């Protein structure tokens, strides 16, 4: 007797413009963010780790479901920025039936404020994280973010 409605359709396109302008961006981590850097989960990550994680997700999803044209982002595309983090680590218990044990899944919650020169390319990649999620375990509901200009 219940009617399930389809979620709102969201469209995202990559803006390739690399001209920069001064902005202040706030990223709210609505669900825990798990960042894996060099094979280890870390709570100490910088802006480059964040933008490259978002870009990697875009690249993977584009290869699987979209139009992939081998576009890349390089270190020289990213200008240095001031990052202020207000993060706390939060753990959740879950039971793994495969391993027959309780496990902890955790990640950072809070917000990140980034101040500096942003290109439209960077903003576009950051905005993609609102749709696709960011970091590891997005299929568990982790990595839900809200990106806004302040």
N, C-alpha and C. Protein backbone atom coordinates (compact mmCIF):
# COMPACT_ATOMS: atom_id res chain seq x y z
N UNK A 1 0.81 -1.20 0.00
CA UNK A 1 0.00 0.00 0.00
C UNK A 1 0.86 1.27 0.00
N UNK A 2 2.16 1.13 0.24
CA UNK A 2 3.02 2.31 0.24
C UNK A 2 3.54 2.57 -1.16
N UNK A 3 3.70 3.83 -1.46
CA UNK A 3 4.23 4.22 -2.76
C UNK A 3 5.66 4.70 -2.56
N UNK A 4 6.57 4.12 -3.29
CA UNK A 4 7.96 4.55 -3.23
C UNK A 4 8.23 5.48 -4.40
N UNK A 5 8.70 6.65 -4.10
CA UNK A 5 9.02 7.61 -5.14
C UNK A 5 10.49 7.51 -5.50
N UNK A 6 10.78 7.71 -6.75
CA UNK A 6 12.17 7.73 -7.18
C UNK A 6 12.87 8.96 -6.62
N UNK A 7 14.16 8.84 -6.31
CA UNK A 7 14.86 10.03 -5.82
C UNK A 7 14.97 11.09 -6.91
N UNK A 8 15.20 12.31 -6.47
CA UNK A 8 15.35 13.41 -7.42
C UNK A 8 16.56 13.15 -8.31
N UNK A 9 16.39 13.36 -9.60
CA UNK A 9 17.48 13.15 -10.54
C UNK A 9 18.42 14.35 -10.47
N UNK A 10 19.72 14.07 -10.39
CA UNK A 10 20.71 15.13 -10.33
C UNK A 10 21.64 14.99 -11.52
N UNK A 11 21.95 16.11 -12.12
CA UNK A 11 22.83 16.13 -13.27
C UNK A 11 24.13 16.82 -12.89
N UNK A 12 25.24 16.21 -13.25
CA UNK A 12 26.54 16.80 -12.98
C UNK A 12 27.37 16.75 -14.26
N UNK A 13 28.04 17.84 -14.55
CA UNK A 13 28.97 17.87 -15.69
C UNK A 13 30.28 18.48 -15.22
N UNK A 14 31.36 18.03 -15.81
CA UNK A 14 32.69 18.52 -15.46
C UNK A 14 32.95 19.84 -16.16
N UNK A 15 33.27 20.85 -15.38
CA UNK A 15 33.65 22.16 -15.93
C UNK A 15 35.17 22.16 -16.03
N UNK A 16 35.70 22.30 -17.22
CA UNK A 16 37.15 22.18 -17.44
C UNK A 16 37.90 23.50 -17.36
N UNK A 17 37.23 24.58 -17.00
CA UNK A 17 37.87 25.90 -16.95
C UNK A 17 38.89 25.94 -15.81
N UNK A 18 40.12 26.40 -16.11
CA UNK A 18 41.16 26.44 -15.08
C UNK A 18 41.52 27.85 -14.63
N UNK A 19 40.78 28.86 -15.12
CA UNK A 19 40.96 30.21 -14.60
C UNK A 19 40.51 30.22 -13.14
N UNK A 20 41.25 30.91 -12.29
CA UNK A 20 40.95 30.85 -10.86
C UNK A 20 40.36 32.16 -10.34
N UNK A 21 39.67 32.04 -9.22
CA UNK A 21 39.17 33.20 -8.49
C UNK A 21 39.20 32.88 -7.00
N UNK A 22 39.33 33.90 -6.19
CA UNK A 22 39.43 33.74 -4.74
C UNK A 22 38.06 33.37 -4.17
N UNK A 23 38.04 32.29 -3.38
CA UNK A 23 36.79 31.83 -2.77
C UNK A 23 37.08 31.20 -1.42
N UNK A 24 36.02 31.06 -0.66
CA UNK A 24 36.07 30.33 0.61
C UNK A 24 34.99 29.27 0.52
N UNK A 25 35.39 28.02 0.62
CA UNK A 25 34.48 26.87 0.47
C UNK A 25 34.37 26.13 1.80
N UNK A 26 33.14 25.77 2.13
CA UNK A 26 32.90 24.97 3.33
C UNK A 26 32.39 23.60 2.90
N UNK A 27 33.01 22.56 3.43
CA UNK A 27 32.57 21.19 3.17
C UNK A 27 32.08 20.61 4.48
N UNK A 28 30.77 20.37 4.55
CA UNK A 28 30.18 19.73 5.73
C UNK A 28 30.19 18.23 5.52
N UNK A 29 30.77 17.51 6.46
CA UNK A 29 30.78 16.04 6.40
C UNK A 29 29.54 15.56 7.15
N UNK A 30 28.51 15.22 6.38
CA UNK A 30 27.21 14.86 6.96
C UNK A 30 27.21 13.45 7.53
N UNK A 31 27.98 12.56 6.92
CA UNK A 31 28.20 11.22 7.45
C UNK A 31 29.71 11.01 7.49
N UNK A 32 30.19 10.03 8.28
CA UNK A 32 31.64 9.88 8.44
C UNK A 32 32.38 9.74 7.10
N UNK A 33 33.50 10.42 7.02
CA UNK A 33 34.36 10.37 5.84
C UNK A 33 35.57 9.50 6.16
N UNK A 34 35.74 8.46 5.37
CA UNK A 34 36.89 7.56 5.52
C UNK A 34 37.83 7.79 4.35
N UNK A 35 38.99 8.36 4.63
CA UNK A 35 39.99 8.63 3.59
C UNK A 35 41.11 7.61 3.71
N UNK A 36 41.37 6.90 2.62
CA UNK A 36 42.46 5.94 2.60
C UNK A 36 43.58 6.55 1.77
N UNK A 37 44.72 6.80 2.41
CA UNK A 37 45.86 7.42 1.76
C UNK A 37 47.07 6.51 1.95
N UNK A 38 47.70 6.15 0.85
CA UNK A 38 48.84 5.22 0.87
C UNK A 38 48.49 3.92 1.60
N UNK A 39 47.27 3.43 1.37
CA UNK A 39 46.86 2.14 1.93
C UNK A 39 46.42 2.17 3.38
N UNK A 40 46.35 3.36 4.00
CA UNK A 40 45.96 3.44 5.41
C UNK A 40 44.85 4.47 5.58
N UNK A 41 43.91 4.17 6.49
CA UNK A 41 42.87 5.14 6.81
C UNK A 41 43.48 6.25 7.65
N UNK A 42 43.24 7.49 7.22
CA UNK A 42 43.84 8.62 7.92
C UNK A 42 42.81 9.70 8.20
N UNK A 43 42.98 10.35 9.35
CA UNK A 43 42.12 11.49 9.65
C UNK A 43 42.88 12.78 9.36
N UNK A 44 44.18 12.67 9.12
CA UNK A 44 44.99 13.84 8.80
C UNK A 44 45.25 13.87 7.29
N UNK A 45 44.40 14.59 6.59
CA UNK A 45 44.54 14.68 5.14
C UNK A 45 44.53 16.15 4.74
N UNK A 46 45.09 16.44 3.59
CA UNK A 46 45.13 17.83 3.14
C UNK A 46 44.18 18.04 1.96
N UNK A 47 44.17 19.25 1.44
CA UNK A 47 43.25 19.59 0.34
C UNK A 47 43.50 18.74 -0.89
N UNK A 48 44.77 18.50 -1.22
CA UNK A 48 45.08 17.70 -2.41
C UNK A 48 44.53 16.29 -2.28
N UNK A 49 44.63 15.70 -1.08
CA UNK A 49 44.07 14.37 -0.86
C UNK A 49 42.57 14.37 -1.12
N UNK A 50 41.91 15.41 -0.65
CA UNK A 50 40.46 15.55 -0.79
C UNK A 50 40.05 15.68 -2.26
N UNK A 51 40.70 16.58 -2.99
CA UNK A 51 40.32 16.83 -4.38
C UNK A 51 40.66 15.62 -5.27
N UNK A 52 41.79 14.96 -5.00
CA UNK A 52 42.15 13.79 -5.79
C UNK A 52 41.22 12.61 -5.49
N UNK A 53 40.75 12.48 -4.24
CA UNK A 53 39.77 11.43 -3.91
C UNK A 53 38.47 11.66 -4.66
N UNK A 54 38.01 12.92 -4.70
CA UNK A 54 36.79 13.25 -5.43
C UNK A 54 36.97 13.00 -6.93
N UNK A 55 38.13 13.39 -7.46
CA UNK A 55 38.39 13.20 -8.90
C UNK A 55 38.47 11.72 -9.25
N UNK A 56 39.09 10.93 -8.38
CA UNK A 56 39.17 9.48 -8.63
C UNK A 56 37.79 8.85 -8.71
N UNK A 57 36.90 9.27 -7.82
CA UNK A 57 35.53 8.74 -7.84
C UNK A 57 34.83 9.12 -9.15
N UNK A 58 35.01 10.37 -9.59
CA UNK A 58 34.43 10.82 -10.85
C UNK A 58 34.97 9.98 -12.01
N UNK A 59 36.26 9.74 -11.99
CA UNK A 59 36.90 8.97 -13.05
C UNK A 59 36.35 7.53 -13.12
N UNK A 60 36.22 6.90 -11.98
CA UNK A 60 35.71 5.53 -11.92
C UNK A 60 34.26 5.46 -12.38
N UNK A 61 33.43 6.37 -11.89
CA UNK A 61 32.01 6.36 -12.27
C UNK A 61 31.85 6.67 -13.75
N UNK A 62 32.67 7.60 -14.26
CA UNK A 62 32.62 7.92 -15.70
C UNK A 62 33.00 6.73 -16.56
N UNK A 63 33.99 5.98 -16.13
CA UNK A 63 34.41 4.79 -16.88
C UNK A 63 33.30 3.75 -16.90
N UNK A 64 32.60 3.60 -15.77
CA UNK A 64 31.59 2.55 -15.67
C UNK A 64 30.24 2.95 -16.28
N UNK A 65 29.83 4.21 -16.08
CA UNK A 65 28.47 4.58 -16.43
C UNK A 65 28.33 5.77 -17.37
N UNK A 66 29.39 6.47 -17.60
CA UNK A 66 29.26 7.71 -18.36
C UNK A 66 30.16 7.74 -19.57
N UNK A 67 30.50 8.94 -19.94
CA UNK A 67 31.37 9.17 -21.07
C UNK A 67 32.74 9.51 -20.52
N UNK A 68 33.70 8.62 -20.69
CA UNK A 68 35.05 8.82 -20.16
C UNK A 68 35.97 9.20 -21.29
N UNK A 69 36.66 10.33 -21.14
CA UNK A 69 37.54 10.78 -22.22
C UNK A 69 38.98 11.02 -21.76
N UNK A 70 39.40 10.29 -20.74
CA UNK A 70 40.78 10.32 -20.25
C UNK A 70 41.24 11.71 -19.79
N UNK A 71 40.35 12.50 -19.28
CA UNK A 71 40.73 13.79 -18.73
C UNK A 71 41.42 13.54 -17.39
N UNK A 72 42.41 14.32 -17.08
CA UNK A 72 43.10 14.15 -15.81
C UNK A 72 43.28 15.50 -15.12
N UNK A 73 43.59 15.43 -13.85
CA UNK A 73 43.91 16.62 -13.07
C UNK A 73 45.32 16.43 -12.53
N UNK A 74 46.15 17.43 -12.68
CA UNK A 74 47.54 17.33 -12.26
C UNK A 74 47.80 18.25 -11.06
N UNK A 75 48.92 18.00 -10.38
CA UNK A 75 49.30 18.83 -9.23
C UNK A 75 49.34 20.31 -9.58
N UNK A 76 49.78 20.63 -10.78
CA UNK A 76 49.92 22.05 -11.13
C UNK A 76 48.57 22.73 -11.34
N UNK A 77 47.48 21.95 -11.46
CA UNK A 77 46.14 22.54 -11.53
C UNK A 77 45.71 23.09 -10.16
N UNK A 78 46.31 22.56 -9.10
CA UNK A 78 45.86 22.86 -7.74
C UNK A 78 46.79 23.87 -7.10
N UNK A 79 46.25 25.05 -6.79
CA UNK A 79 47.03 26.08 -6.10
C UNK A 79 46.93 25.85 -4.59
N UNK A 80 47.98 26.26 -3.83
CA UNK A 80 47.95 26.09 -2.37
C UNK A 80 46.77 26.82 -1.73
N UNK A 81 46.22 26.22 -0.69
CA UNK A 81 45.06 26.79 -0.01
C UNK A 81 45.21 26.67 1.50
N UNK A 82 44.52 27.54 2.20
CA UNK A 82 44.48 27.47 3.66
C UNK A 82 43.31 26.57 4.04
N UNK A 83 43.57 25.58 4.88
CA UNK A 83 42.54 24.62 5.27
C UNK A 83 42.38 24.65 6.79
N UNK A 84 41.13 24.84 7.22
CA UNK A 84 40.80 24.79 8.64
C UNK A 84 39.82 23.64 8.83
N UNK A 85 40.21 22.69 9.67
CA UNK A 85 39.37 21.51 9.89
C UNK A 85 38.82 21.49 11.32
N UNK A 86 37.55 21.20 11.42
CA UNK A 86 36.91 20.98 12.71
C UNK A 86 36.29 19.59 12.63
N UNK A 87 37.11 18.57 12.90
CA UNK A 87 36.70 17.19 12.68
C UNK A 87 36.81 16.36 13.95
N UNK A 88 35.93 15.39 14.06
CA UNK A 88 35.96 14.40 15.13
C UNK A 88 35.82 13.03 14.50
N UNK A 89 36.52 12.04 15.05
CA UNK A 89 36.42 10.68 14.57
C UNK A 89 35.23 10.02 15.25
N UNK A 90 34.39 9.36 14.47
CA UNK A 90 33.22 8.68 15.02
C UNK A 90 33.23 7.24 14.54
N UNK A 91 33.11 6.30 15.47
CA UNK A 91 33.10 4.87 15.14
C UNK A 91 31.69 4.32 15.22
N UNK A 92 31.39 3.39 14.32
CA UNK A 92 30.13 2.66 14.33
C UNK A 92 30.44 1.18 14.37
N UNK A 93 29.62 0.44 15.15
CA UNK A 93 29.77 -1.01 15.20
C UNK A 93 28.92 -1.64 14.11
N UNK A 94 29.45 -2.69 13.52
CA UNK A 94 28.67 -3.48 12.59
C UNK A 94 29.08 -4.93 12.74
N UNK A 95 28.20 -5.81 12.34
CA UNK A 95 28.50 -7.22 12.42
C UNK A 95 28.76 -7.75 11.02
N UNK A 96 29.88 -8.39 10.84
CA UNK A 96 30.24 -9.00 9.56
C UNK A 96 29.87 -10.48 9.61
N UNK A 97 28.88 -10.86 8.80
CA UNK A 97 28.49 -12.28 8.80
C UNK A 97 29.55 -13.13 8.09
N UNK A 98 30.30 -12.52 7.20
CA UNK A 98 31.37 -13.26 6.53
C UNK A 98 32.49 -13.59 7.52
N UNK A 99 32.88 -12.60 8.33
CA UNK A 99 33.96 -12.81 9.30
C UNK A 99 33.44 -13.29 10.65
N UNK A 100 32.11 -13.30 10.80
CA UNK A 100 31.46 -13.73 12.03
C UNK A 100 32.02 -13.00 13.26
N UNK A 101 32.10 -11.68 13.12
CA UNK A 101 32.63 -10.87 14.22
C UNK A 101 32.09 -9.44 14.11
N UNK A 102 32.09 -8.77 15.27
CA UNK A 102 31.75 -7.35 15.26
C UNK A 102 32.96 -6.57 14.80
N UNK A 103 32.71 -5.52 14.04
CA UNK A 103 33.79 -4.69 13.53
C UNK A 103 33.43 -3.23 13.76
N UNK A 104 34.43 -2.40 13.72
CA UNK A 104 34.20 -0.96 13.81
C UNK A 104 34.47 -0.32 12.46
N UNK A 105 33.54 0.53 12.05
CA UNK A 105 33.75 1.37 10.87
C UNK A 105 33.66 2.79 11.37
N UNK A 106 34.66 3.58 11.07
CA UNK A 106 34.65 4.94 11.55
C UNK A 106 35.12 5.92 10.51
N UNK A 107 34.94 7.18 10.82
CA UNK A 107 35.39 8.22 9.92
C UNK A 107 35.24 9.59 10.57
N UNK A 108 35.67 10.60 9.86
CA UNK A 108 35.61 11.97 10.34
C UNK A 108 34.24 12.59 10.08
N UNK A 109 33.72 13.29 11.08
CA UNK A 109 32.52 14.10 10.91
C UNK A 109 32.87 15.52 11.35
N UNK A 110 32.17 16.50 10.81
CA UNK A 110 32.44 17.89 11.13
C UNK A 110 32.43 18.72 9.87
N UNK A 111 33.36 19.69 9.79
CA UNK A 111 33.43 20.51 8.58
C UNK A 111 34.86 20.93 8.29
N UNK A 112 35.05 21.29 7.04
CA UNK A 112 36.35 21.75 6.55
C UNK A 112 36.11 23.06 5.82
N UNK A 113 36.91 24.07 6.14
CA UNK A 113 36.83 25.35 5.44
C UNK A 113 38.13 25.55 4.67
N UNK A 114 37.98 25.78 3.38
CA UNK A 114 39.13 25.92 2.49
C UNK A 114 39.09 27.31 1.88
N UNK A 115 40.19 28.04 2.00
CA UNK A 115 40.28 29.41 1.53
C UNK A 115 41.43 29.51 0.53
N UNK A 116 41.16 30.06 -0.66
CA UNK A 116 42.23 30.23 -1.64
C UNK A 116 41.70 30.44 -3.04
N UNK A 117 42.58 30.25 -4.00
CA UNK A 117 42.25 30.38 -5.42
C UNK A 117 41.69 29.06 -5.93
N UNK A 118 40.44 29.08 -6.39
CA UNK A 118 39.77 27.88 -6.92
C UNK A 118 39.48 28.07 -8.40
N UNK A 119 39.69 27.02 -9.16
CA UNK A 119 39.27 27.04 -10.56
C UNK A 119 37.86 26.46 -10.64
N UNK A 120 37.17 26.71 -11.74
CA UNK A 120 35.86 26.10 -11.94
C UNK A 120 35.97 24.59 -12.00
N UNK A 121 37.10 24.09 -12.49
CA UNK A 121 37.38 22.65 -12.52
C UNK A 121 37.35 22.08 -11.10
N UNK A 122 38.04 22.72 -10.18
CA UNK A 122 38.07 22.25 -8.79
C UNK A 122 36.68 22.28 -8.15
N UNK A 123 35.97 23.38 -8.34
CA UNK A 123 34.62 23.51 -7.78
C UNK A 123 33.71 22.42 -8.34
N UNK A 124 33.83 22.17 -9.63
CA UNK A 124 33.04 21.14 -10.29
C UNK A 124 33.33 19.76 -9.69
N UNK A 125 34.59 19.46 -9.46
CA UNK A 125 34.96 18.17 -8.88
C UNK A 125 34.48 18.06 -7.44
N UNK A 126 34.62 19.14 -6.66
CA UNK A 126 34.12 19.11 -5.28
C UNK A 126 32.60 18.94 -5.25
N UNK A 127 31.89 19.62 -6.15
CA UNK A 127 30.42 19.50 -6.20
C UNK A 127 29.99 18.07 -6.56
N UNK A 128 30.82 17.35 -7.32
CA UNK A 128 30.48 15.97 -7.68
C UNK A 128 30.37 15.09 -6.43
N UNK A 129 31.13 15.44 -5.38
CA UNK A 129 31.10 14.66 -4.15
C UNK A 129 29.74 14.72 -3.45
N UNK A 130 28.96 15.77 -3.72
CA UNK A 130 27.61 15.85 -3.15
C UNK A 130 26.71 14.75 -3.73
N UNK A 131 26.98 14.35 -4.95
CA UNK A 131 26.17 13.33 -5.61
C UNK A 131 26.75 11.93 -5.40
N UNK A 132 28.05 11.79 -5.64
CA UNK A 132 28.70 10.48 -5.64
C UNK A 132 29.29 10.07 -4.31
N UNK A 133 29.39 11.00 -3.36
CA UNK A 133 30.03 10.70 -2.09
C UNK A 133 31.53 10.90 -2.19
N UNK A 134 32.19 10.78 -1.06
CA UNK A 134 33.63 11.02 -1.00
C UNK A 134 34.27 9.99 -0.08
N UNK A 135 35.40 9.48 -0.48
CA UNK A 135 36.14 8.54 0.35
C UNK A 135 35.65 7.10 0.19
N UNK A 136 35.98 6.31 1.19
CA UNK A 136 35.67 4.88 1.17
C UNK A 136 34.32 4.60 1.82
N UNK A 137 33.77 3.43 1.50
CA UNK A 137 32.54 2.91 2.10
C UNK A 137 31.31 3.77 1.85
N UNK A 138 31.23 4.38 0.67
CA UNK A 138 30.05 5.17 0.34
C UNK A 138 28.82 4.26 0.20
N UNK A 139 29.03 2.99 -0.11
CA UNK A 139 27.89 2.06 -0.21
C UNK A 139 27.28 1.78 1.16
N UNK A 140 28.02 2.06 2.24
CA UNK A 140 27.50 1.93 3.60
C UNK A 140 26.84 3.23 4.06
N UNK A 141 26.85 4.25 3.21
CA UNK A 141 26.26 5.53 3.58
C UNK A 141 27.29 6.53 4.08
N UNK A 142 28.55 6.16 4.03
CA UNK A 142 29.60 7.06 4.48
C UNK A 142 29.96 8.04 3.35
N UNK A 143 30.59 9.16 3.72
CA UNK A 143 31.10 10.10 2.73
C UNK A 143 30.09 11.06 2.14
N UNK A 144 28.94 11.23 2.77
CA UNK A 144 27.95 12.18 2.29
C UNK A 144 28.39 13.59 2.70
N UNK A 145 28.55 14.48 1.72
CA UNK A 145 29.05 15.82 2.00
C UNK A 145 28.15 16.89 1.39
N UNK A 146 28.27 18.09 1.92
CA UNK A 146 27.58 19.27 1.37
C UNK A 146 28.66 20.32 1.15
N UNK A 147 28.77 20.79 -0.09
CA UNK A 147 29.78 21.78 -0.47
C UNK A 147 29.08 23.12 -0.70
N UNK A 148 29.56 24.16 -0.01
CA UNK A 148 28.94 25.49 -0.18
C UNK A 148 30.01 26.57 -0.16
N UNK A 149 29.70 27.66 -0.86
CA UNK A 149 30.59 28.80 -0.88
C UNK A 149 30.16 29.76 0.23
N UNK A 150 31.13 30.22 1.02
CA UNK A 150 30.79 31.15 2.11
C UNK A 150 31.53 32.47 1.91
